[in-house]
Amino acid sequence: MWRARLPARPQFGDGGGQPRTFPGIVDVAAGPGTLSILAAKDGHHAEALDFSPKMIAALQARAAAEELA
C-alpha cells in the first residue's frame, strides 16, 4: 500500500481573518488523487492510499502543480 499526504490549503472566512482547516479525510484507492486534491483545496487534510506507486506518483505531481505539496 502506498500513500501520499496532502496538507490542507487554509481557508479564510471565520470573520476574524484567521485561517481555518477542517477534519482530515482518507481517500482509499485514490488513483490520481482527484478527490484528495479537491478535499485539500477545500481545507481538509487528505491522506491518499493506493496499491499502485504510479498512481501515487501521478497524485503527487498533480498536487505539486496545484501547489498543495
N, C-alpha and C. Protein backbone atom coordinates (compact mmCIF):
# COMPACT_ATOMS: atom_id res chain seq x y z
N MET A 1 0.86 -1.17 0.00
CA MET A 1 0.00 0.00 0.00
C MET A 1 0.90 1.23 0.00
N TRP A 2 0.61 2.16 -0.86
CA TRP A 2 1.35 3.41 -0.97
C TRP A 2 0.45 4.55 -0.53
N ARG A 3 1.06 5.62 -0.04
CA ARG A 3 0.24 6.73 0.41
C ARG A 3 0.90 8.07 0.11
N ALA A 4 0.08 9.08 0.09
CA ALA A 4 0.53 10.46 -0.04
C ALA A 4 -0.30 11.30 0.91
N ARG A 5 0.34 12.27 1.51
CA ARG A 5 -0.38 13.18 2.41
C ARG A 5 -0.40 14.56 1.77
N LEU A 6 -1.58 15.13 1.73
CA LEU A 6 -1.75 16.48 1.19
C LEU A 6 -2.13 17.41 2.31
N PRO A 7 -1.35 18.46 2.51
CA PRO A 7 -1.74 19.42 3.55
C PRO A 7 -2.96 20.20 3.11
N ALA A 8 -3.72 20.64 4.05
CA ALA A 8 -4.90 21.44 3.75
C ALA A 8 -4.47 22.83 3.31
N ARG A 9 -5.17 23.35 2.34
CA ARG A 9 -4.99 24.75 1.96
C ARG A 9 -5.87 25.55 2.91
N PRO A 10 -5.28 26.43 3.73
CA PRO A 10 -6.09 27.16 4.70
C PRO A 10 -7.19 27.96 4.04
N GLN A 11 -8.33 27.95 4.67
CA GLN A 11 -9.48 28.71 4.18
C GLN A 11 -9.67 29.90 5.11
N PHE A 12 -10.03 31.02 4.53
CA PHE A 12 -10.32 32.21 5.33
C PHE A 12 -11.82 32.44 5.28
N GLY A 13 -12.35 33.01 6.30
CA GLY A 13 -13.77 33.27 6.28
C GLY A 13 -14.44 33.06 7.62
N ASP A 14 -13.65 32.99 8.69
CA ASP A 14 -14.25 32.82 10.00
C ASP A 14 -14.64 34.17 10.60
N GLY A 15 -14.48 35.24 9.83
CA GLY A 15 -14.83 36.56 10.32
C GLY A 15 -13.69 37.27 11.02
N GLY A 16 -12.71 36.52 11.52
CA GLY A 16 -11.59 37.13 12.22
C GLY A 16 -10.33 37.17 11.40
N GLY A 17 -10.40 36.73 10.16
CA GLY A 17 -9.23 36.73 9.30
C GLY A 17 -8.23 35.63 9.61
N GLN A 18 -8.60 34.71 10.48
CA GLN A 18 -7.70 33.61 10.84
C GLN A 18 -7.92 32.43 9.90
N PRO A 19 -6.84 31.78 9.47
CA PRO A 19 -7.03 30.60 8.62
C PRO A 19 -7.68 29.48 9.42
N ARG A 20 -8.45 28.66 8.75
CA ARG A 20 -9.07 27.52 9.41
C ARG A 20 -8.93 26.30 8.51
N THR A 21 -8.86 25.16 9.12
CA THR A 21 -8.83 23.90 8.39
C THR A 21 -9.91 23.00 8.96
N PHE A 22 -10.24 21.97 8.22
CA PHE A 22 -11.30 21.07 8.58
C PHE A 22 -10.72 19.69 8.90
N PRO A 23 -11.51 18.77 9.42
CA PRO A 23 -11.00 17.44 9.74
C PRO A 23 -10.40 16.75 8.52
N GLY A 24 -9.56 15.77 8.78
CA GLY A 24 -8.91 15.04 7.70
C GLY A 24 -9.81 13.99 7.08
N ILE A 25 -9.43 13.59 5.86
CA ILE A 25 -10.13 12.51 5.17
C ILE A 25 -9.09 11.50 4.69
N VAL A 26 -9.53 10.27 4.48
CA VAL A 26 -8.70 9.24 3.89
C VAL A 26 -9.37 8.83 2.58
N ASP A 27 -8.61 8.93 1.50
CA ASP A 27 -9.10 8.56 0.17
C ASP A 27 -8.48 7.20 -0.16
N VAL A 28 -9.29 6.13 -0.06
CA VAL A 28 -8.82 4.77 -0.32
C VAL A 28 -9.00 4.47 -1.80
N ALA A 29 -8.00 3.82 -2.41
CA ALA A 29 -7.97 3.58 -3.86
C ALA A 29 -8.04 4.94 -4.57
N ALA A 30 -7.14 5.82 -4.20
CA ALA A 30 -7.17 7.22 -4.62
C ALA A 30 -6.89 7.44 -6.10
N GLY A 31 -6.20 6.50 -6.73
CA GLY A 31 -5.86 6.70 -8.13
C GLY A 31 -5.03 7.96 -8.28
N PRO A 32 -5.34 8.82 -9.26
CA PRO A 32 -4.55 10.03 -9.47
C PRO A 32 -4.88 11.15 -8.50
N GLY A 33 -5.74 10.90 -7.52
CA GLY A 33 -5.97 11.86 -6.46
C GLY A 33 -7.02 12.91 -6.70
N THR A 34 -7.94 12.67 -7.61
CA THR A 34 -8.96 13.67 -7.93
C THR A 34 -9.70 14.13 -6.68
N LEU A 35 -10.19 13.20 -5.87
CA LEU A 35 -10.96 13.57 -4.68
C LEU A 35 -10.05 14.12 -3.57
N SER A 36 -8.86 13.57 -3.43
CA SER A 36 -7.92 14.06 -2.42
C SER A 36 -7.54 15.51 -2.68
N ILE A 37 -7.29 15.82 -3.93
CA ILE A 37 -6.90 17.19 -4.28
C ILE A 37 -8.06 18.15 -4.05
N LEU A 38 -9.26 17.75 -4.44
CA LEU A 38 -10.43 18.60 -4.18
C LEU A 38 -10.62 18.84 -2.69
N ALA A 39 -10.45 17.78 -1.88
CA ALA A 39 -10.61 17.92 -0.44
C ALA A 39 -9.55 18.86 0.15
N ALA A 40 -8.30 18.72 -0.29
CA ALA A 40 -7.23 19.57 0.21
C ALA A 40 -7.47 21.03 -0.17
N LYS A 41 -7.96 21.27 -1.37
CA LYS A 41 -8.28 22.64 -1.79
C LYS A 41 -9.41 23.23 -0.96
N ASP A 42 -10.29 22.35 -0.47
CA ASP A 42 -11.43 22.81 0.32
C ASP A 42 -11.10 22.93 1.81
N GLY A 43 -9.84 22.71 2.18
CA GLY A 43 -9.42 22.92 3.55
C GLY A 43 -9.28 21.67 4.41
N HIS A 44 -9.44 20.49 3.82
CA HIS A 44 -9.29 19.24 4.56
C HIS A 44 -7.87 18.69 4.43
N HIS A 45 -7.37 18.09 5.49
CA HIS A 45 -6.13 17.33 5.39
C HIS A 45 -6.50 16.02 4.71
N ALA A 46 -5.81 15.67 3.63
CA ALA A 46 -6.16 14.47 2.88
C ALA A 46 -5.00 13.48 2.90
N GLU A 47 -5.33 12.23 3.15
CA GLU A 47 -4.35 11.14 3.05
C GLU A 47 -4.88 10.20 1.98
N ALA A 48 -4.08 10.01 0.94
CA ALA A 48 -4.48 9.18 -0.20
C ALA A 48 -3.75 7.85 -0.13
N LEU A 49 -4.50 6.77 -0.32
CA LEU A 49 -3.94 5.42 -0.32
C LEU A 49 -4.23 4.75 -1.65
N ASP A 50 -3.25 4.04 -2.19
CA ASP A 50 -3.45 3.30 -3.43
C ASP A 50 -2.42 2.18 -3.48
N PHE A 51 -2.77 1.09 -4.16
CA PHE A 51 -1.84 -0.03 -4.30
C PHE A 51 -0.78 0.23 -5.38
N SER A 52 -1.02 1.20 -6.24
CA SER A 52 -0.11 1.47 -7.35
C SER A 52 0.81 2.64 -7.05
N PRO A 53 2.12 2.41 -7.02
CA PRO A 53 3.04 3.53 -6.81
C PRO A 53 2.98 4.53 -7.97
N LYS A 54 2.59 4.08 -9.17
CA LYS A 54 2.46 5.00 -10.30
C LYS A 54 1.31 5.98 -10.09
N MET A 55 0.22 5.50 -9.48
CA MET A 55 -0.91 6.40 -9.21
C MET A 55 -0.55 7.42 -8.14
N ILE A 56 0.19 6.99 -7.13
CA ILE A 56 0.62 7.93 -6.09
C ILE A 56 1.59 8.95 -6.68
N ALA A 57 2.46 8.52 -7.58
CA ALA A 57 3.37 9.46 -8.24
C ALA A 57 2.58 10.48 -9.07
N ALA A 58 1.53 10.01 -9.76
CA ALA A 58 0.68 10.92 -10.53
C ALA A 58 -0.03 11.90 -9.61
N LEU A 59 -0.51 11.40 -8.47
CA LEU A 59 -1.17 12.26 -7.49
C LEU A 59 -0.20 13.33 -6.97
N GLN A 60 1.01 12.92 -6.65
CA GLN A 60 1.98 13.87 -6.12
C GLN A 60 2.34 14.93 -7.16
N ALA A 61 2.42 14.54 -8.43
CA ALA A 61 2.70 15.50 -9.49
C ALA A 61 1.55 16.50 -9.64
N ARG A 62 0.31 16.00 -9.58
CA ARG A 62 -0.85 16.89 -9.67
C ARG A 62 -0.91 17.82 -8.46
N ALA A 63 -0.62 17.29 -7.28
CA ALA A 63 -0.63 18.12 -6.07
C ALA A 63 0.42 19.21 -6.15
N ALA A 64 1.60 18.89 -6.67
CA ALA A 64 2.66 19.88 -6.82
C ALA A 64 2.23 20.96 -7.82
N ALA A 65 1.57 20.56 -8.90
CA ALA A 65 1.10 21.52 -9.89
C ALA A 65 0.05 22.45 -9.30
N GLU A 66 -0.73 21.95 -8.35
CA GLU A 66 -1.76 22.75 -7.66
C GLU A 66 -1.20 23.48 -6.44
N GLU A 67 0.11 23.35 -6.24
CA GLU A 67 0.80 23.96 -5.10
C GLU A 67 0.24 23.47 -3.77
N LEU A 68 -0.06 22.17 -3.70
CA LEU A 68 -0.55 21.55 -2.46
C LEU A 68 0.52 20.71 -1.79
N ALA A 69 1.58 20.41 -2.48
CA ALA A 69 2.61 19.54 -1.91
C ALA A 69 3.81 20.33 -1.47
